[in-house]
Amino acid sequence: MKKLVIWGGLIAILFAVIAWMTKLEQKEEAEGNPFHKSRLHPATVDQLDDPNYRNIVLPAELKRELAAGKSLTVYFYSPLCPHCQRTTPIVVPLAKQLGIDLQLFNLLEFEEGWDDYRIEATPTIVHYEGGKETKRIEGYHDEQTFREFFSSISRSK
């Protein structure tokens, strides 16, 4: 019985050490991240080195730009969304190719964005003119559909 208690205690200590090391590793990976948060969801950490997730917009910055009446295009996504995982490699390079400054808003890290921008599903791309929403596309589509969406934005400028 004594051996069982000792082994149980050792196993519990081992799990605690592994959990602590994992947490420390995630914190180190998250340092200096574009989200300016000390703790990131592991799915977000996994995307930090992906070049498709570079043009991040933070909530305060987006609110400021919209309040100033700027025109911008925002891609609302979640790193956990399988449709976003299929959409991002299409829309980010396409927007760049078409000269559209596509800003990415991570709804997993900034959940207030769901309500603040009336997002019902991910992925969602919203175009704002003069700080007001003028066009929106939701869900996964083929490249041609996104090309037409982005082209319609370019024509309206």
N, C-alpha and C. Protein backbone atom coordinates (compact mmCIF):
# COMPACT_ATOMS: atom_id res chain seq x y z
N MET A 1 0.82 -1.19 0.00
CA MET A 1 0.00 0.00 0.00
C MET A 1 0.87 1.25 0.00
N LYS A 2 1.96 1.21 0.78
CA LYS A 2 2.87 2.34 0.86
C LYS A 2 3.51 2.61 -0.50
N LYS A 3 3.89 1.53 -1.21
CA LYS A 3 4.51 1.68 -2.53
C LYS A 3 3.52 2.29 -3.52
N LEU A 4 2.27 1.90 -3.42
CA LEU A 4 1.24 2.43 -4.31
C LEU A 4 1.08 3.95 -4.11
N VAL A 5 1.09 4.39 -2.89
CA VAL A 5 0.98 5.82 -2.58
C VAL A 5 2.21 6.57 -3.11
N ILE A 6 3.39 6.00 -2.93
CA ILE A 6 4.62 6.64 -3.42
C ILE A 6 4.58 6.74 -4.94
N TRP A 7 4.23 5.65 -5.62
CA TRP A 7 4.15 5.68 -7.09
C TRP A 7 3.09 6.67 -7.57
N GLY A 8 1.97 6.69 -6.91
CA GLY A 8 0.92 7.64 -7.27
C GLY A 8 1.38 9.08 -7.11
N GLY A 9 2.10 9.34 -6.04
CA GLY A 9 2.64 10.68 -5.81
C GLY A 9 3.67 11.06 -6.87
N LEU A 10 4.54 10.13 -7.22
CA LEU A 10 5.54 10.39 -8.26
C LEU A 10 4.89 10.67 -9.61
N ILE A 11 3.87 9.91 -9.93
CA ILE A 11 3.17 10.13 -11.20
C ILE A 11 2.48 11.49 -11.19
N ALA A 12 1.87 11.86 -10.09
CA ALA A 12 1.22 13.18 -9.99
C ALA A 12 2.24 14.30 -10.14
N ILE A 13 3.41 14.15 -9.53
CA ILE A 13 4.48 15.15 -9.65
C ILE A 13 4.95 15.24 -11.10
N LEU A 14 5.10 14.08 -11.74
CA LEU A 14 5.55 14.05 -13.13
C LEU A 14 4.56 14.80 -14.03
N PHE A 15 3.26 14.56 -13.86
CA PHE A 15 2.25 15.26 -14.65
C PHE A 15 2.29 16.76 -14.37
N ALA A 16 2.48 17.15 -13.14
CA ALA A 16 2.55 18.57 -12.78
C ALA A 16 3.75 19.24 -13.45
N VAL A 17 4.89 18.55 -13.47
CA VAL A 17 6.09 19.10 -14.10
C VAL A 17 5.88 19.23 -15.61
N ILE A 18 5.28 18.23 -16.23
CA ILE A 18 5.01 18.30 -17.67
C ILE A 18 4.06 19.45 -17.98
N ALA A 19 3.02 19.62 -17.19
CA ALA A 19 2.07 20.71 -17.40
C ALA A 19 2.75 22.06 -17.25
N TRP A 20 3.59 22.20 -16.25
CA TRP A 20 4.31 23.46 -16.01
C TRP A 20 5.26 23.75 -17.18
N MET A 21 5.97 22.73 -17.66
CA MET A 21 6.91 22.93 -18.77
C MET A 21 6.16 23.31 -20.05
N THR A 22 5.02 22.69 -20.29
CA THR A 22 4.22 23.01 -21.47
C THR A 22 3.73 24.45 -21.41
N LYS A 23 3.27 24.86 -20.24
CA LYS A 23 2.78 26.23 -20.06
C LYS A 23 3.92 27.23 -20.27
N LEU A 24 5.09 26.93 -19.74
CA LEU A 24 6.25 27.79 -19.89
C LEU A 24 6.66 27.88 -21.36
N GLU A 25 6.65 26.76 -22.05
CA GLU A 25 7.01 26.73 -23.47
C GLU A 25 6.04 27.57 -24.29
N GLN A 26 4.74 27.45 -24.02
CA GLN A 26 3.75 28.25 -24.73
C GLN A 26 3.92 29.73 -24.45
N LYS A 27 4.27 30.07 -23.22
CA LYS A 27 4.47 31.48 -22.86
C LYS A 27 5.67 32.04 -23.61
N GLU A 28 6.75 31.25 -23.70
CA GLU A 28 7.94 31.69 -24.43
C GLU A 28 7.64 31.87 -25.92
N GLU A 29 6.86 30.96 -26.49
CA GLU A 29 6.50 31.06 -27.90
C GLU A 29 5.62 32.29 -28.15
N ALA A 30 4.81 32.67 -27.18
CA ALA A 30 3.89 33.78 -27.35
C ALA A 30 4.55 35.14 -27.14
N GLU A 31 5.73 35.17 -26.55
CA GLU A 31 6.39 36.45 -26.28
C GLU A 31 6.67 37.19 -27.58
N GLY A 32 6.40 38.48 -27.58
CA GLY A 32 6.66 39.31 -28.74
C GLY A 32 5.69 39.04 -29.88
N ASN A 33 4.56 38.45 -29.58
CA ASN A 33 3.61 38.11 -30.63
C ASN A 33 2.84 39.34 -31.09
N PRO A 34 2.25 39.29 -32.28
CA PRO A 34 1.53 40.46 -32.79
C PRO A 34 0.22 40.75 -32.08
N PHE A 35 -0.21 39.86 -31.19
CA PHE A 35 -1.47 40.04 -30.48
C PHE A 35 -1.28 40.81 -29.17
N HIS A 36 -0.03 41.01 -28.77
CA HIS A 36 0.30 41.74 -27.55
C HIS A 36 -0.38 41.14 -26.32
N LYS A 37 -0.44 39.82 -26.27
CA LYS A 37 -1.02 39.09 -25.14
C LYS A 37 0.04 38.14 -24.61
N SER A 38 0.03 37.96 -23.29
CA SER A 38 1.02 37.06 -22.69
C SER A 38 0.62 35.59 -22.83
N ARG A 39 -0.67 35.34 -22.96
CA ARG A 39 -1.14 33.95 -23.12
C ARG A 39 -1.98 33.86 -24.38
N LEU A 40 -1.58 32.97 -25.25
CA LEU A 40 -2.31 32.74 -26.49
C LEU A 40 -2.83 31.31 -26.51
N HIS A 41 -3.92 31.13 -27.20
CA HIS A 41 -4.45 29.78 -27.40
C HIS A 41 -3.41 28.99 -28.22
N PRO A 42 -3.21 27.72 -27.92
CA PRO A 42 -2.22 26.92 -28.66
C PRO A 42 -2.42 26.94 -30.18
N ALA A 43 -3.66 27.01 -30.64
CA ALA A 43 -3.91 27.06 -32.09
C ALA A 43 -3.38 28.36 -32.69
N THR A 44 -3.44 29.44 -31.94
CA THR A 44 -2.88 30.71 -32.41
C THR A 44 -1.36 30.63 -32.41
N VAL A 45 -0.78 30.05 -31.37
CA VAL A 45 0.68 29.89 -31.29
C VAL A 45 1.17 29.11 -32.51
N ASP A 46 0.44 28.09 -32.91
CA ASP A 46 0.83 27.28 -34.06
C ASP A 46 0.89 28.09 -35.35
N GLN A 47 0.16 29.20 -35.42
CA GLN A 47 0.13 30.02 -36.64
C GLN A 47 1.13 31.18 -36.63
N LEU A 48 1.84 31.37 -35.54
CA LEU A 48 2.72 32.54 -35.44
C LEU A 48 3.79 32.58 -36.52
N ASP A 49 4.25 31.43 -36.98
CA ASP A 49 5.30 31.41 -38.01
C ASP A 49 4.74 31.32 -39.42
N ASP A 50 3.44 31.22 -39.58
CA ASP A 50 2.82 31.09 -40.89
C ASP A 50 2.74 32.47 -41.55
N PRO A 51 3.33 32.65 -42.73
CA PRO A 51 3.31 33.97 -43.38
C PRO A 51 1.90 34.45 -43.76
N ASN A 52 0.93 33.56 -43.80
CA ASN A 52 -0.44 33.98 -44.12
C ASN A 52 -1.12 34.70 -42.95
N TYR A 53 -0.50 34.67 -41.79
CA TYR A 53 -1.10 35.30 -40.60
C TYR A 53 -0.21 36.44 -40.09
N ARG A 54 0.18 37.32 -40.97
CA ARG A 54 1.07 38.42 -40.61
C ARG A 54 0.36 39.75 -40.40
N ASN A 55 -0.65 40.03 -41.17
CA ASN A 55 -1.27 41.36 -41.16
C ASN A 55 -2.41 41.41 -40.14
N ILE A 56 -2.04 41.27 -38.87
CA ILE A 56 -3.00 41.20 -37.78
C ILE A 56 -3.47 42.61 -37.39
N VAL A 57 -4.78 42.72 -37.16
CA VAL A 57 -5.32 43.97 -36.64
C VAL A 57 -5.88 43.68 -35.24
N LEU A 58 -5.54 44.54 -34.31
CA LEU A 58 -6.01 44.39 -32.93
C LEU A 58 -7.33 45.13 -32.74
N PRO A 59 -8.12 44.72 -31.76
CA PRO A 59 -9.44 45.35 -31.56
C PRO A 59 -9.40 46.88 -31.42
N ALA A 60 -8.51 47.38 -30.61
CA ALA A 60 -8.45 48.84 -30.41
C ALA A 60 -8.06 49.56 -31.70
N GLU A 61 -7.14 48.97 -32.44
CA GLU A 61 -6.70 49.57 -33.70
C GLU A 61 -7.85 49.57 -34.73
N LEU A 62 -8.58 48.46 -34.81
CA LEU A 62 -9.70 48.39 -35.75
C LEU A 62 -10.78 49.40 -35.39
N LYS A 63 -11.11 49.50 -34.13
CA LYS A 63 -12.12 50.49 -33.70
C LYS A 63 -11.67 51.91 -34.03
N ARG A 64 -10.40 52.18 -33.79
CA ARG A 64 -9.84 53.51 -34.07
C ARG A 64 -9.92 53.83 -35.57
N GLU A 65 -9.54 52.87 -36.40
CA GLU A 65 -9.55 53.09 -37.86
C GLU A 65 -10.97 53.29 -38.38
N LEU A 66 -11.91 52.50 -37.87
CA LEU A 66 -13.29 52.66 -38.31
C LEU A 66 -13.89 53.98 -37.83
N ALA A 67 -13.57 54.35 -36.60
CA ALA A 67 -14.06 55.63 -36.06
C ALA A 67 -13.49 56.81 -36.85
N ALA A 68 -12.28 56.64 -37.39
CA ALA A 68 -11.65 57.70 -38.18
C ALA A 68 -12.19 57.73 -39.61
N GLY A 69 -13.09 56.79 -39.93
CA GLY A 69 -13.70 56.78 -41.26
C GLY A 69 -12.84 56.18 -42.34
N LYS A 70 -11.91 55.34 -41.96
CA LYS A 70 -11.03 54.73 -42.95
C LYS A 70 -11.75 53.63 -43.72
N SER A 71 -11.23 53.34 -44.88
CA SER A 71 -11.72 52.24 -45.69
C SER A 71 -10.74 51.09 -45.54
N LEU A 72 -11.27 49.92 -45.21
CA LEU A 72 -10.41 48.76 -45.01
C LEU A 72 -11.19 47.48 -45.20
N THR A 73 -10.44 46.40 -45.37
CA THR A 73 -11.03 45.07 -45.55
C THR A 73 -10.48 44.18 -44.45
N VAL A 74 -11.40 43.53 -43.71
CA VAL A 74 -11.00 42.75 -42.55
C VAL A 74 -11.47 41.30 -42.72
N TYR A 75 -10.56 40.41 -42.46
CA TYR A 75 -10.82 38.96 -42.50
C TYR A 75 -10.96 38.48 -41.06
N PHE A 76 -12.17 38.15 -40.66
CA PHE A 76 -12.44 37.63 -39.32
C PHE A 76 -12.34 36.11 -39.38
N TYR A 77 -11.46 35.55 -38.57
CA TYR A 77 -11.19 34.12 -38.62
C TYR A 77 -10.95 33.57 -37.22
N SER A 78 -10.96 32.24 -37.15
CA SER A 78 -10.58 31.54 -35.92
C SER A 78 -9.58 30.46 -36.30
N PRO A 79 -8.47 30.35 -35.57
CA PRO A 79 -7.50 29.30 -35.87
C PRO A 79 -8.07 27.89 -35.73
N LEU A 80 -9.16 27.74 -35.00
CA LEU A 80 -9.77 26.43 -34.81
C LEU A 80 -10.77 26.07 -35.92
N CYS A 81 -11.15 27.02 -36.73
CA CYS A 81 -12.18 26.83 -37.75
C CYS A 81 -11.60 26.10 -38.97
N PRO A 82 -12.13 24.92 -39.29
CA PRO A 82 -11.61 24.18 -40.45
C PRO A 82 -11.85 24.92 -41.77
N HIS A 83 -12.95 25.69 -41.85
CA HIS A 83 -13.21 26.46 -43.07
C HIS A 83 -12.21 27.60 -43.22
N CYS A 84 -11.81 28.19 -42.10
CA CYS A 84 -10.79 29.24 -42.13
C CYS A 84 -9.44 28.65 -42.57
N GLN A 85 -9.13 27.47 -42.08
CA GLN A 85 -7.88 26.82 -42.43
C GLN A 85 -7.80 26.55 -43.94
N ARG A 86 -8.95 26.32 -44.57
CA ARG A 86 -8.98 26.12 -46.03
C ARG A 86 -9.03 27.46 -46.77
N THR A 87 -9.64 28.46 -46.16
CA THR A 87 -9.84 29.76 -46.81
C THR A 87 -8.59 30.63 -46.79
N THR A 88 -7.89 30.66 -45.67
CA THR A 88 -6.74 31.56 -45.52
C THR A 88 -5.70 31.40 -46.63
N PRO A 89 -5.29 30.19 -46.99
CA PRO A 89 -4.29 30.07 -48.07
C PRO A 89 -4.80 30.54 -49.44
N ILE A 90 -6.11 30.73 -49.55
CA ILE A 90 -6.66 31.27 -50.80
C ILE A 90 -6.72 32.79 -50.73
N VAL A 91 -7.36 33.33 -49.67
CA VAL A 91 -7.66 34.77 -49.65
C VAL A 91 -6.46 35.66 -49.36
N VAL A 92 -5.55 35.22 -48.52
CA VAL A 92 -4.42 36.09 -48.17
C VAL A 92 -3.53 36.34 -49.40
N PRO A 93 -3.07 35.30 -50.10
CA PRO A 93 -2.27 35.57 -51.30
C PRO A 93 -3.07 36.29 -52.40
N LEU A 94 -4.34 35.95 -52.53
CA LEU A 94 -5.18 36.59 -53.56
C LEU A 94 -5.33 38.08 -53.29
N ALA A 95 -5.61 38.44 -52.05
CA ALA A 95 -5.74 39.86 -51.69
C ALA A 95 -4.44 40.59 -51.98
N LYS A 96 -3.33 39.96 -51.63
CA LYS A 96 -2.03 40.58 -51.88
C LYS A 96 -1.82 40.78 -53.38
N GLN A 97 -2.15 39.75 -54.15
CA GLN A 97 -2.00 39.81 -55.60
C GLN A 97 -2.85 40.94 -56.20
N LEU A 98 -4.04 41.16 -55.63
CA LEU A 98 -4.95 42.18 -56.15
C LEU A 98 -4.73 43.56 -55.52
N GLY A 99 -3.73 43.67 -54.65
CA GLY A 99 -3.39 44.95 -54.04
C GLY A 99 -4.35 45.38 -52.94
N ILE A 100 -4.98 44.42 -52.28
CA ILE A 100 -5.90 44.73 -51.19
C ILE A 100 -5.20 44.46 -49.86
N ASP A 101 -5.22 45.46 -49.00
CA ASP A 101 -4.62 45.33 -47.67
C ASP A 101 -5.61 44.61 -46.76
N LEU A 102 -5.54 43.29 -46.76
CA LEU A 102 -6.46 42.46 -45.98
C LEU A 102 -5.93 42.33 -44.56
N GLN A 103 -6.67 42.89 -43.60
CA GLN A 103 -6.28 42.83 -42.20
C GLN A 103 -6.98 41.66 -41.53
N LEU A 104 -6.26 40.91 -40.70
CA LEU A 104 -6.78 39.70 -40.08
C LEU A 104 -7.13 39.94 -38.62
N PHE A 105 -8.35 39.54 -38.24
CA PHE A 105 -8.84 39.70 -36.88
C PHE A 105 -9.10 38.31 -36.32
N ASN A 106 -8.36 37.92 -35.28
CA ASN A 106 -8.44 36.61 -34.68
C ASN A 106 -9.56 36.58 -33.63
N LEU A 107 -10.65 35.92 -33.97
CA LEU A 107 -11.80 35.86 -33.07
C LEU A 107 -11.60 34.90 -31.90
N LEU A 108 -10.63 34.01 -31.99
CA LEU A 108 -10.34 33.12 -30.87
C LEU A 108 -9.66 33.91 -29.75
N GLU A 109 -8.79 34.82 -30.11
CA GLU A 109 -8.07 35.64 -29.12
C GLU A 109 -8.90 36.84 -28.66
N PHE A 110 -9.74 37.36 -29.54
CA PHE A 110 -10.52 38.56 -29.22
C PHE A 110 -11.99 38.28 -29.49
N GLU A 111 -12.61 37.55 -28.57
CA GLU A 111 -13.99 37.08 -28.75
C GLU A 111 -15.02 38.20 -28.83
N GLU A 112 -14.69 39.38 -28.34
CA GLU A 112 -15.65 40.49 -28.40
C GLU A 112 -15.95 40.87 -29.85
N GLY A 113 -15.08 40.49 -30.75
CA GLY A 113 -15.28 40.78 -32.17
C GLY A 113 -16.54 40.15 -32.75
N TRP A 114 -16.95 38.99 -32.19
CA TRP A 114 -18.17 38.35 -32.66
C TRP A 114 -19.36 39.31 -32.56
N ASP A 115 -19.51 39.93 -31.41
CA ASP A 115 -20.64 40.85 -31.20
C ASP A 115 -20.37 42.23 -31.79
N ASP A 116 -19.16 42.72 -31.59
CA ASP A 116 -18.83 44.08 -32.05
C ASP A 116 -19.02 44.25 -33.55
N TYR A 117 -18.76 43.20 -34.33
CA TYR A 117 -18.82 43.30 -35.80
C TYR A 117 -19.88 42.39 -36.41
N ARG A 118 -20.80 41.90 -35.57
CA ARG A 118 -21.93 41.06 -35.99
C ARG A 118 -21.46 39.88 -36.85
N ILE A 119 -20.47 39.18 -36.36
CA ILE A 119 -19.95 38.01 -37.06
C ILE A 119 -20.78 36.80 -36.62
N GLU A 120 -21.35 36.12 -37.57
CA GLU A 120 -22.18 34.95 -37.27
C GLU A 120 -21.47 33.64 -37.58
N ALA A 121 -20.46 33.69 -38.43
CA ALA A 121 -19.74 32.48 -38.81
C ALA A 121 -18.34 32.87 -39.28
N THR A 122 -17.45 31.91 -39.21
CA THR A 122 -16.12 32.14 -39.76
C THR A 122 -15.90 31.15 -40.89
N PRO A 123 -15.14 31.57 -41.87
CA PRO A 123 -14.54 32.88 -42.06
C PRO A 123 -15.55 33.91 -42.57
N THR A 124 -15.29 35.16 -42.24
CA THR A 124 -16.08 36.28 -42.74
C THR A 124 -15.12 37.40 -43.14
N ILE A 125 -15.33 37.93 -44.34
CA ILE A 125 -14.54 39.07 -44.80
C ILE A 125 -15.51 40.24 -44.94
N VAL A 126 -15.16 41.35 -44.31
CA VAL A 126 -16.00 42.54 -44.35
C VAL A 126 -15.20 43.70 -44.91
N HIS A 127 -15.81 44.41 -45.85
CA HIS A 127 -15.18 45.61 -46.40
C HIS A 127 -15.90 46.84 -45.85
N TYR A 128 -15.12 47.80 -45.39
CA TYR A 128 -15.65 49.05 -44.84
C TYR A 128 -15.20 50.21 -45.72
N GLU A 129 -16.13 51.10 -46.02
CA GLU A 129 -15.84 52.35 -46.73
C GLU A 129 -16.22 53.49 -45.80
N GLY A 130 -15.32 54.40 -45.58
CA GLY A 130 -15.62 55.52 -44.70
C GLY A 130 -16.02 55.07 -43.30
N GLY A 131 -15.48 53.94 -42.87
CA GLY A 131 -15.77 53.42 -41.54
C GLY A 131 -17.07 52.64 -41.43
N LYS A 132 -17.81 52.51 -42.54
CA LYS A 132 -19.10 51.80 -42.53
C LYS A 132 -19.00 50.54 -43.38
N GLU A 133 -19.66 49.47 -42.92
CA GLU A 133 -19.66 48.23 -43.68
C GLU A 133 -20.42 48.40 -44.98
N THR A 134 -19.78 47.97 -46.08
CA THR A 134 -20.42 48.07 -47.39
C THR A 134 -20.57 46.71 -48.08
N LYS A 135 -19.76 45.74 -47.67
CA LYS A 135 -19.81 44.45 -48.34
C LYS A 135 -19.29 43.38 -47.39
N ARG A 136 -19.87 42.17 -47.52
CA ARG A 136 -19.51 41.06 -46.64
C ARG A 136 -19.64 39.75 -47.40
N ILE A 137 -18.72 38.83 -47.10
CA ILE A 137 -18.82 37.47 -47.62
C ILE A 137 -18.50 36.53 -46.46
N GLU A 138 -19.34 35.49 -46.32
CA GLU A 138 -19.17 34.55 -45.21
C GLU A 138 -18.93 33.14 -45.74
N GLY A 139 -18.15 32.39 -44.99
CA GLY A 139 -17.96 30.97 -45.30
C GLY A 139 -16.86 30.70 -46.29
N TYR A 140 -16.65 29.43 -46.54
CA TYR A 140 -15.65 28.98 -47.50
C TYR A 140 -16.23 29.04 -48.91
N HIS A 141 -15.43 29.54 -49.84
CA HIS A 141 -15.81 29.59 -51.26
C HIS A 141 -14.58 29.24 -52.08
N ASP A 142 -14.79 29.03 -53.37
CA ASP A 142 -13.65 28.77 -54.23
C ASP A 142 -12.92 30.08 -54.54
N GLU A 143 -11.76 29.96 -55.12
CA GLU A 143 -10.92 31.14 -55.39
C GLU A 143 -11.64 32.15 -56.28
N GLN A 144 -12.37 31.69 -57.28
CA GLN A 144 -13.04 32.59 -58.20
C GLN A 144 -14.06 33.48 -57.48
N THR A 145 -14.78 32.91 -56.54
CA THR A 145 -15.77 33.69 -55.77
C THR A 145 -15.08 34.78 -54.96
N PHE A 146 -13.97 34.43 -54.32
CA PHE A 146 -13.23 35.45 -53.56
C PHE A 146 -12.61 36.48 -54.50
N ARG A 147 -12.16 36.06 -55.66
CA ARG A 147 -11.59 37.00 -56.65
C ARG A 147 -12.66 38.02 -57.05
N GLU A 148 -13.87 37.53 -57.30
CA GLU A 148 -14.98 38.44 -57.67
C GLU A 148 -15.31 39.39 -56.53
N PHE A 149 -15.30 38.88 -55.29
CA PHE A 149 -15.57 39.73 -54.13
C PHE A 149 -14.51 40.84 -54.03
N PHE A 150 -13.24 40.46 -54.10
CA PHE A 150 -12.16 41.45 -54.00
C PHE A 150 -12.19 42.42 -55.19
N SER A 151 -12.51 41.92 -56.36
CA SER A 151 -12.58 42.79 -57.54
C SER A 151 -13.70 43.82 -57.39
N SER A 152 -14.81 43.41 -56.80
CA SER A 152 -15.91 44.35 -56.60
C SER A 152 -15.51 45.45 -55.61
N ILE A 153 -14.65 45.10 -54.68
CA ILE A 153 -14.15 46.10 -53.72
C ILE A 153 -13.26 47.10 -54.46
N SER A 154 -12.38 46.59 -55.30
CA SER A 154 -11.45 47.45 -56.05
C SER A 154 -12.22 48.40 -56.97
N ARG A 155 -13.30 47.91 -57.58
CA ARG A 155 -14.09 48.76 -58.49
C ARG A 155 -14.83 49.85 -57.74
N SER A 156 -15.19 49.59 -56.47
CA SER A 156 -15.97 50.59 -55.71
C SER A 156 -15.10 51.68 -55.11
N LYS A 157 -13.80 51.54 -55.21
CA LYS A 157 -12.92 52.57 -54.61
C LYS A 157 -12.85 53.81 -55.47
